Amino acid sequence: MKLSKHAEMRMNQRGMSLEKVRFIYTYGESLATPGKAVLKRIRKRDLPALEKHGAISGALLEKVLHRTLIMDQTESTVITVY
């Protein structure tokens, strides 16, 4: 996973750590967008499965829920975060 300069800037502006971005990148659901980018996010309905497998802690849970990564179509570079 690579971060674009824009993604790094947005992470700083929005208080997202690299740990949160990596978690979303690893466990987030991938959704194709009309512009050929890929949106990755953790949804509330995904949480029980993540908790069951011990992939998420309570503290990290609240911080990654409703956060989104926009990635290039190969899912190798994070373009922006929100």
PDB file of N, CA and C in Angstrom:
ATOM      1  N   MET A   1       0.849  -1.176   0.000  1.00  0.00           N
ATOM      2  CA  MET A   1       0.000   0.000   0.000  1.00  0.00           C
ATOM      3  C   MET A   1       0.889   1.231   0.000  1.00  0.00           C
ATOM      4  N   LYS A   2       0.655   2.104  -0.965  1.00  0.00           N
ATOM      5  CA  LYS A   2       1.344   3.388  -1.043  1.00  0.00           C
ATOM      6  C   LYS A   2       0.336   4.489  -0.742  1.00  0.00           C
ATOM      7  N   LEU A   3       0.840   5.613  -0.232  1.00  0.00           N
ATOM      8  CA  LEU A   3       0.005   6.773   0.033  1.00  0.00           C
ATOM      9  C   LEU A   3       0.395   7.900  -0.911  1.00  0.00           C
ATOM     10  N   SER A   4      -0.584   8.516  -1.544  1.00  0.00           N
ATOM     11  CA  SER A   4      -0.288   9.686  -2.363  1.00  0.00           C
ATOM     12  C   SER A   4      -0.016  10.866  -1.430  1.00  0.00           C
ATOM     13  N   LYS A   5       0.611  11.897  -1.957  1.00  0.00           N
ATOM     14  CA  LYS A   5       0.870  13.115  -1.164  1.00  0.00           C
ATOM     15  C   LYS A   5      -0.456  13.699  -0.670  1.00  0.00           C
ATOM     16  N   HIS A   6      -1.457  13.642  -1.522  1.00  0.00           N
ATOM     17  CA  HIS A   6      -2.778  14.156  -1.155  1.00  0.00           C
ATOM     18  C   HIS A   6      -3.358  13.370   0.019  1.00  0.00           C
ATOM     19  N   ALA A   7      -3.223  12.046  -0.023  1.00  0.00           N
ATOM     20  CA  ALA A   7      -3.734  11.207   1.070  1.00  0.00           C
ATOM     21  C   ALA A   7      -3.018  11.525   2.374  1.00  0.00           C
ATOM     22  N   GLU A   8      -1.694  11.714   2.324  1.00  0.00           N
ATOM     23  CA  GLU A   8      -0.943  12.069   3.528  1.00  0.00           C
ATOM     24  C   GLU A   8      -1.422  13.388   4.112  1.00  0.00           C
ATOM     25  N   MET A   9      -1.665  14.365   3.237  1.00  0.00           N
ATOM     26  CA  MET A   9      -2.149  15.671   3.684  1.00  0.00           C
ATOM     27  C   MET A   9      -3.533  15.529   4.333  1.00  0.00           C
ATOM     28  N   ARG A  10      -4.409  14.778   3.712  1.00  0.00           N
ATOM     29  CA  ARG A  10      -5.762  14.592   4.250  1.00  0.00           C
ATOM     30  C   ARG A  10      -5.746  13.802   5.553  1.00  0.00           C
ATOM     31  N   MET A  11      -4.842  12.841   5.678  1.00  0.00           N
ATOM     32  CA  MET A  11      -4.722  12.101   6.937  1.00  0.00           C
ATOM     33  C   MET A  11      -4.383  13.059   8.073  1.00  0.00           C
ATOM     34  N   ASN A  12      -3.440  13.958   7.824  1.00  0.00           N
ATOM     35  CA  ASN A  12      -3.062  14.931   8.846  1.00  0.00           C
ATOM     36  C   ASN A  12      -4.209  15.868   9.179  1.00  0.00           C
ATOM     37  N   GLN A  13      -4.917  16.345   8.174  1.00  0.00           N
ATOM     38  CA  GLN A  13      -6.031  17.267   8.385  1.00  0.00           C
ATOM     39  C   GLN A  13      -7.183  16.605   9.127  1.00  0.00           C
ATOM     40  N   ARG A  14      -7.387  15.322   8.888  1.00  0.00           N
ATOM     41  CA  ARG A  14      -8.551  14.630   9.442  1.00  0.00           C
ATOM     42  C   ARG A  14      -8.218  13.740  10.635  1.00  0.00           C
ATOM     43  N   GLY A  15      -6.987  13.785  11.091  1.00  0.00           N
ATOM     44  CA  GLY A  15      -6.607  13.047  12.293  1.00  0.00           C
ATOM     45  C   GLY A  15      -6.618  11.537  12.135  1.00  0.00           C
ATOM     46  N   MET A  16      -6.296  11.062  10.952  1.00  0.00           N
ATOM     47  CA  MET A  16      -6.251   9.610  10.725  1.00  0.00           C
ATOM     48  C   MET A  16      -4.806   9.139  10.792  1.00  0.00           C
ATOM     49  N   SER A  17      -4.566   8.150  11.619  1.00  0.00           N
ATOM     50  CA  SER A  17      -3.218   7.594  11.738  1.00  0.00           C
ATOM     51  C   SER A  17      -2.986   6.545  10.667  1.00  0.00           C
ATOM     52  N   LEU A  18      -1.729   6.196  10.480  1.00  0.00           N
ATOM     53  CA  LEU A  18      -1.378   5.146   9.535  1.00  0.00           C
ATOM     54  C   LEU A  18      -1.963   3.812   9.981  1.00  0.00           C
ATOM     55  N   GLU A  19      -2.074   3.604  11.290  1.00  0.00           N
ATOM     56  CA  GLU A  19      -2.677   2.383  11.837  1.00  0.00           C
ATOM     57  C   GLU A  19      -4.127   2.239  11.368  1.00  0.00           C
ATOM     58  N   LYS A  20      -4.884   3.314  11.423  1.00  0.00           N
ATOM     59  CA  LYS A  20      -6.287   3.279  10.987  1.00  0.00           C
ATOM     60  C   LYS A  20      -6.387   3.006   9.489  1.00  0.00           C
ATOM     61  N   VAL A  21      -5.532   3.663   8.714  1.00  0.00           N
ATOM     62  CA  VAL A  21      -5.550   3.474   7.265  1.00  0.00           C
ATOM     63  C   VAL A  21      -5.199   2.031   6.915  1.00  0.00           C
ATOM     64  N   ARG A  22      -4.193   1.488   7.558  1.00  0.00           N
ATOM     65  CA  ARG A  22      -3.813   0.086   7.306  1.00  0.00           C
ATOM     66  C   ARG A  22      -4.933  -0.877   7.677  1.00  0.00           C
ATOM     67  N   PHE A  23      -5.618  -0.583   8.781  1.00  0.00           N
ATOM     68  CA  PHE A  23      -6.721  -1.452   9.198  1.00  0.00           C
ATOM     69  C   PHE A  23      -7.824  -1.451   8.152  1.00  0.00           C
ATOM     70  N   ILE A  24      -8.222  -0.273   7.702  1.00  0.00           N
ATOM     71  CA  ILE A  24      -9.275  -0.170   6.684  1.00  0.00           C
ATOM     72  C   ILE A  24      -8.810  -0.835   5.386  1.00  0.00           C
ATOM     73  N   TYR A  25      -7.553  -0.624   5.027  1.00  0.00           N
ATOM     74  CA  TYR A  25      -7.001  -1.238   3.817  1.00  0.00           C
ATOM     75  C   TYR A  25      -7.065  -2.767   3.902  1.00  0.00           C
ATOM     76  N   THR A  26      -6.744  -3.305   5.065  1.00  0.00           N
ATOM     77  CA  THR A  26      -6.704  -4.758   5.249  1.00  0.00           C
ATOM     78  C   THR A  26      -8.082  -5.386   5.365  1.00  0.00           C
ATOM     79  N   TYR A  27      -8.959  -4.770   6.168  1.00  0.00           N
ATOM     80  CA  TYR A  27     -10.242  -5.404   6.488  1.00  0.00           C
ATOM     81  C   TYR A  27     -11.457  -4.753   5.831  1.00  0.00           C
ATOM     82  N   GLY A  28     -11.274  -3.629   5.185  1.00  0.00           N
ATOM     83  CA  GLY A  28     -12.405  -2.919   4.606  1.00  0.00           C
ATOM     84  C   GLY A  28     -12.979  -3.598   3.383  1.00  0.00           C
ATOM     85  N   GLU A  29     -14.230  -3.328   3.156  1.00  0.00           N
ATOM     86  CA  GLU A  29     -14.913  -3.841   1.970  1.00  0.00           C
ATOM     87  C   GLU A  29     -14.569  -2.956   0.781  1.00  0.00           C
ATOM     88  N   SER A  30     -14.266  -3.552  -0.356  1.00  0.00           N
ATOM     89  CA  SER A  30     -13.937  -2.816  -1.578  1.00  0.00           C
ATOM     90  C   SER A  30     -15.188  -2.650  -2.428  1.00  0.00           C
ATOM     91  N   LEU A  31     -15.421  -1.419  -2.858  1.00  0.00           N
ATOM     92  CA  LEU A  31     -16.554  -1.116  -3.727  1.00  0.00           C
ATOM     93  C   LEU A  31     -16.049  -0.317  -4.921  1.00  0.00           C
ATOM     94  N   ALA A  32     -16.383  -0.743  -6.116  1.00  0.00           N
ATOM     95  CA  ALA A  32     -15.988  -0.014  -7.321  1.00  0.00           C
ATOM     96  C   ALA A  32     -16.823   1.257  -7.437  1.00  0.00           C
ATOM     97  N   THR A  33     -16.209   2.314  -7.954  1.00  0.00           N
ATOM     98  CA  THR A  33     -16.920   3.573  -8.174  1.00  0.00           C
ATOM     99  C   THR A  33     -16.992   3.834  -9.674  1.00  0.00           C
ATOM    100  N   PRO A  34     -17.887   4.716 -10.110  1.00  0.00           N
ATOM    101  CA  PRO A  34     -18.012   4.983 -11.538  1.00  0.00           C
ATOM    102  C   PRO A  34     -16.721   5.513 -12.179  1.00  0.00           C
ATOM    103  N   GLY A  35     -15.877   6.208 -11.413  1.00  0.00           N
ATOM    104  CA  GLY A  35     -14.651   6.771 -11.968  1.00  0.00           C
ATOM    105  C   GLY A  35     -13.475   5.816 -11.960  1.00  0.00           C
ATOM    106  N   LYS A  36     -13.723   4.527 -11.819  1.00  0.00           N
ATOM    107  CA  LYS A  36     -12.715   3.467 -11.813  1.00  0.00           C
ATOM    108  C   LYS A  36     -11.808   3.497 -10.590  1.00  0.00           C
ATOM    109  N   ALA A  37     -12.180   4.223  -9.582  1.00  0.00           N
ATOM    110  CA  ALA A  37     -11.457   4.171  -8.314  1.00  0.00           C
ATOM    111  C   ALA A  37     -12.129   3.101  -7.454  1.00  0.00           C
ATOM    112  N   VAL A  38     -11.505   2.780  -6.339  1.00  0.00           N
ATOM    113  CA  VAL A  38     -12.060   1.794  -5.416  1.00  0.00           C
ATOM    114  C   VAL A  38     -12.224   2.461  -4.056  1.00  0.00           C
ATOM    115  N   LEU A  39     -13.385   2.302  -3.481  1.00  0.00           N
ATOM    116  CA  LEU A  39     -13.699   2.841  -2.167  1.00  0.00           C
ATOM    117  C   LEU A  39     -13.590   1.703  -1.168  1.00  0.00           C
ATOM    118  N   LYS A  40     -12.869   1.903  -0.080  1.00  0.00           N
ATOM    119  CA  LYS A  40     -12.750   0.873   0.959  1.00  0.00           C
ATOM    120  C   LYS A  40     -13.236   1.480   2.267  1.00  0.00           C
ATOM    121  N   ARG A  41     -14.068   0.704   2.988  1.00  0.00           N
ATOM    122  CA  ARG A  41     -14.583   1.197   4.265  1.00  0.00           C
ATOM    123  C   ARG A  41     -14.988   0.033   5.151  1.00  0.00           C
ATOM    124  N   ILE A  42     -15.102   0.339   6.436  1.00  0.00           N
ATOM    125  CA  ILE A  42     -15.601  -0.617   7.413  1.00  0.00           C
ATOM    126  C   ILE A  42     -17.035  -0.206   7.724  1.00  0.00           C
ATOM    127  N   ARG A  43     -17.944  -1.129   7.524  1.00  0.00           N
ATOM    128  CA  ARG A  43     -19.351  -0.826   7.800  1.00  0.00           C
ATOM    129  C   ARG A  43     -19.741  -1.401   9.159  1.00  0.00           C
ATOM    130  N   LYS A  44     -20.762  -0.852   9.729  1.00  0.00           N
ATOM    131  CA  LYS A  44     -21.239  -1.302  11.036  1.00  0.00           C
ATOM    132  C   LYS A  44     -21.613  -2.785  11.011  1.00  0.00           C
ATOM    133  N   ARG A  45     -22.183  -3.244   9.923  1.00  0.00           N
ATOM    134  CA  ARG A  45     -22.600  -4.642   9.855  1.00  0.00           C
ATOM    135  C   ARG A  45     -21.411  -5.601   9.727  1.00  0.00           C
ATOM    136  N   ASP A  46     -20.212  -5.084   9.411  1.00  0.00           N
ATOM    137  CA  ASP A  46     -19.009  -5.914   9.344  1.00  0.00           C
ATOM    138  C   ASP A  46     -18.381  -6.138  10.712  1.00  0.00           C
ATOM    139  N   LEU A  47     -18.759  -5.343  11.699  1.00  0.00           N
ATOM    140  CA  LEU A  47     -18.095  -5.369  13.000  1.00  0.00           C
ATOM    141  C   LEU A  47     -18.196  -6.693  13.748  1.00  0.00           C
ATOM    142  N   PRO A  48     -19.355  -7.357  13.798  1.00  0.00           N
ATOM    143  CA  PRO A  48     -19.409  -8.627  14.533  1.00  0.00           C
ATOM    144  C   PRO A  48     -18.393  -9.661  14.036  1.00  0.00           C
ATOM    145  N   ALA A  49     -18.228  -9.763  12.737  1.00  0.00           N
ATOM    146  CA  ALA A  49     -17.265 -10.724  12.188  1.00  0.00           C
ATOM    147  C   ALA A  49     -15.839 -10.327  12.544  1.00  0.00           C
ATOM    148  N   LEU A  50     -15.539  -9.037  12.507  1.00  0.00           N
ATOM    149  CA  LEU A  50     -14.191  -8.580  12.868  1.00  0.00           C
ATOM    150  C   LEU A  50     -13.905  -8.816  14.341  1.00  0.00           C
ATOM    151  N   GLU A  51     -14.902  -8.550  15.177  1.00  0.00           N
ATOM    152  CA  GLU A  51     -14.736  -8.770  16.620  1.00  0.00           C
ATOM    153  C   GLU A  51     -14.576 -10.258  16.927  1.00  0.00           C
ATOM    154  N   LYS A  52     -15.334 -11.104  16.234  1.00  0.00           N
ATOM    155  CA  LYS A  52     -15.289 -12.550  16.459  1.00  0.00           C
ATOM    156  C   LYS A  52     -13.894 -13.105  16.167  1.00  0.00           C
ATOM    157  N   HIS A  53     -13.261 -12.581  15.134  1.00  0.00           N
ATOM    158  CA  HIS A  53     -11.939 -13.056  14.750  1.00  0.00           C
ATOM    159  C   HIS A  53     -10.821 -12.307  15.484  1.00  0.00           C
ATOM    160  N   GLY A  54     -11.185 -11.405  16.377  1.00  0.00           N
ATOM    161  CA  GLY A  54     -10.192 -10.672  17.154  1.00  0.00           C
ATOM    162  C   GLY A  54      -9.402  -9.671  16.344  1.00  0.00           C
ATOM    163  N   ALA A  55      -9.944  -9.244  15.210  1.00  0.00           N
ATOM    164  CA  ALA A  55      -9.222  -8.327  14.335  1.00  0.00           C
ATOM    165  C   ALA A  55      -9.347  -6.874  14.780  1.00  0.00           C
ATOM    166  N   ILE A  56     -10.271  -6.597  15.678  1.00  0.00           N
ATOM    167  CA  ILE A  56     -10.520  -5.204  16.035  1.00  0.00           C
ATOM    168  C   ILE A  56     -10.692  -5.063  17.543  1.00  0.00           C
ATOM    169  N   SER A  57     -10.180  -3.982  18.074  1.00  0.00           N
ATOM    170  CA  SER A  57     -10.370  -3.691  19.491  1.00  0.00           C
ATOM    171  C   SER A  57     -11.423  -2.593  19.609  1.00  0.00           C
ATOM    172  N   GLY A  58     -11.991  -2.452  20.781  1.00  0.00           N
ATOM    173  CA  GLY A  58     -13.038  -1.455  20.992  1.00  0.00           C
ATOM    174  C   GLY A  58     -12.577  -0.040  20.710  1.00  0.00           C
ATOM    175  N   ALA A  59     -11.339   0.283  21.081  1.00  0.00           N
ATOM    176  CA  ALA A  59     -10.818   1.636  20.869  1.00  0.00           C
ATOM    177  C   ALA A  59     -10.661   1.945  19.382  1.00  0.00           C
ATOM    178  N   LEU A  60     -10.148   0.983  18.647  1.00  0.00           N
ATOM    179  CA  LEU A  60      -9.950   1.196  17.217  1.00  0.00           C
ATOM    180  C   LEU A  60     -11.268   1.182  16.467  1.00  0.00           C
ATOM    181  N   LEU A  61     -12.219   0.430  16.959  1.00  0.00           N
ATOM    182  CA  LEU A  61     -13.528   0.292  16.338  1.00  0.00           C
ATOM    183  C   LEU A  61     -14.182   1.645  16.068  1.00  0.00           C
ATOM    184  N   GLU A  62     -14.291   2.472  17.082  1.00  0.00           N
ATOM    185  CA  GLU A  62     -14.958   3.769  16.923  1.00  0.00           C
ATOM    186  C   GLU A  62     -14.196   4.689  15.981  1.00  0.00           C
ATOM    187  N   LYS A  63     -12.901   4.485  15.881  1.00  0.00           N
ATOM    188  CA  LYS A  63     -12.078   5.373  15.069  1.00  0.00           C
ATOM    189  C   LYS A  63     -12.087   5.020  13.584  1.00  0.00           C
ATOM    190  N   VAL A  64     -12.380   3.786  13.243  1.00  0.00           N
ATOM    191  CA  VAL A  64     -12.381   3.394  11.828  1.00  0.00           C
ATOM    192  C   VAL A  64     -13.782   3.316  11.233  1.00  0.00           C
ATOM    193  N   LEU A  65     -14.777   3.245  12.083  1.00  0.00           N
ATOM    194  CA  LEU A  65     -16.153   3.177  11.591  1.00  0.00           C
ATOM    195  C   LEU A  65     -16.497   4.481  10.885  1.00  0.00           C
ATOM    196  N   HIS A  66     -17.080   4.383   9.729  1.00  0.00           N
ATOM    197  CA  HIS A  66     -17.492   5.520   8.902  1.00  0.00           C
ATOM    198  C   HIS A  66     -16.310   6.294   8.326  1.00  0.00           C
ATOM    199  N   ARG A  67     -15.142   5.705   8.292  1.00  0.00           N
ATOM    200  CA  ARG A  67     -13.984   6.296   7.613  1.00  0.00           C
ATOM    201  C   ARG A  67     -13.831   5.579   6.280  1.00  0.00           C
ATOM    202  N   THR A  68     -13.301   6.277   5.278  1.00  0.00           N
ATOM    203  CA  THR A  68     -13.245   5.736   3.925  1.00  0.00           C
ATOM    204  C   THR A  68     -11.899   6.027   3.283  1.00  0.00           C
ATOM    205  N   LEU A  69     -11.407   5.076   2.520  1.00  0.00           N
ATOM    206  CA  LEU A  69     -10.229   5.268   1.680  1.00  0.00           C
ATOM    207  C   LEU A  69     -10.684   5.248   0.230  1.00  0.00           C
ATOM    208  N   ILE A  70     -10.143   6.149  -0.565  1.00  0.00           N
ATOM    209  CA  ILE A  70     -10.351   6.103  -2.003  1.00  0.00           C
ATOM    210  C   ILE A  70      -9.009   5.684  -2.600  1.00  0.00           C
ATOM    211  N   MET A  71      -9.044   4.601  -3.379  1.00  0.00           N
ATOM    212  CA  MET A  71      -7.818   4.019  -3.917  1.00  0.00           C
ATOM    213  C   MET A  71      -7.874   3.959  -5.432  1.00  0.00           C
ATOM    214  N   ASP A  72      -6.702   3.794  -6.046  1.00  0.00           N
ATOM    215  CA  ASP A  72      -6.679   3.607  -7.497  1.00  0.00           C
ATOM    216  C   ASP A  72      -7.294   2.248  -7.830  1.00  0.00           C
ATOM    217  N   GLN A  73      -7.539   2.004  -9.096  1.00  0.00           N
ATOM    218  CA  GLN A  73      -8.264   0.786  -9.487  1.00  0.00           C
ATOM    219  C   GLN A  73      -7.488  -0.490  -9.212  1.00  0.00           C
ATOM    220  N   THR A  74      -6.178  -0.424  -9.030  1.00  0.00           N
ATOM    221  CA  THR A  74      -5.403  -1.617  -8.717  1.00  0.00           C
ATOM    222  C   THR A  74      -5.339  -1.851  -7.193  1.00  0.00           C
ATOM    223  N   GLU A  75      -5.885  -0.948  -6.423  1.00  0.00           N
ATOM    224  CA  GLU A  75      -5.894  -0.980  -4.964  1.00  0.00           C
ATOM    225  C   GLU A  75      -4.481  -1.015  -4.374  1.00  0.00           C
ATOM    226  N   SER A  76      -3.555  -0.344  -5.054  1.00  0.00           N
ATOM    227  CA  SER A  76      -2.189  -0.299  -4.550  1.00  0.00           C
ATOM    228  C   SER A  76      -1.840   1.057  -3.949  1.00  0.00           C
ATOM    229  N   THR A  77      -2.560   2.114  -4.336  1.00  0.00           N
ATOM    230  CA  THR A  77      -2.266   3.459  -3.848  1.00  0.00           C
ATOM    231  C   THR A  77      -3.514   4.102  -3.266  1.00  0.00           C
ATOM    232  N   VAL A  78      -3.382   4.638  -2.060  1.00  0.00           N
ATOM    233  CA  VAL A  78      -4.465   5.383  -1.424  1.00  0.00           C
ATOM    234  C   VAL A  78      -4.403   6.806  -1.982  1.00  0.00           C
ATOM    235  N   ILE A  79      -5.502   7.250  -2.591  1.00  0.00           N
ATOM    236  CA  ILE A  79      -5.556   8.572  -3.206  1.00  0.00           C
ATOM    237  C   ILE A  79      -5.973   9.623  -2.176  1.00  0.00           C
ATOM    238  N   THR A  80      -6.998   9.307  -1.387  1.00  0.00           N
ATOM    239  CA  THR A  80      -7.451  10.241  -0.359  1.00  0.00           C
ATOM    240  C   THR A  80      -8.168   9.463   0.732  1.00  0.00           C
ATOM    241  N   VAL A  81      -8.383  10.115   1.865  1.00  0.00           N
ATOM    242  CA  VAL A  81      -9.086   9.513   3.000  1.00  0.00           C
ATOM    243  C   VAL A  81     -10.113  10.511   3.514  1.00  0.00           C
ATOM    244  N   TYR A  82     -11.199   9.980   4.041  1.00  0.00           N
ATOM    245  CA  TYR A  82     -12.180  10.838   4.737  1.00  0.00           C
ATOM    246  C   TYR A  82     -12.955  10.032   5.714  1.00  0.00           C
TER     247      TYR A  82
END
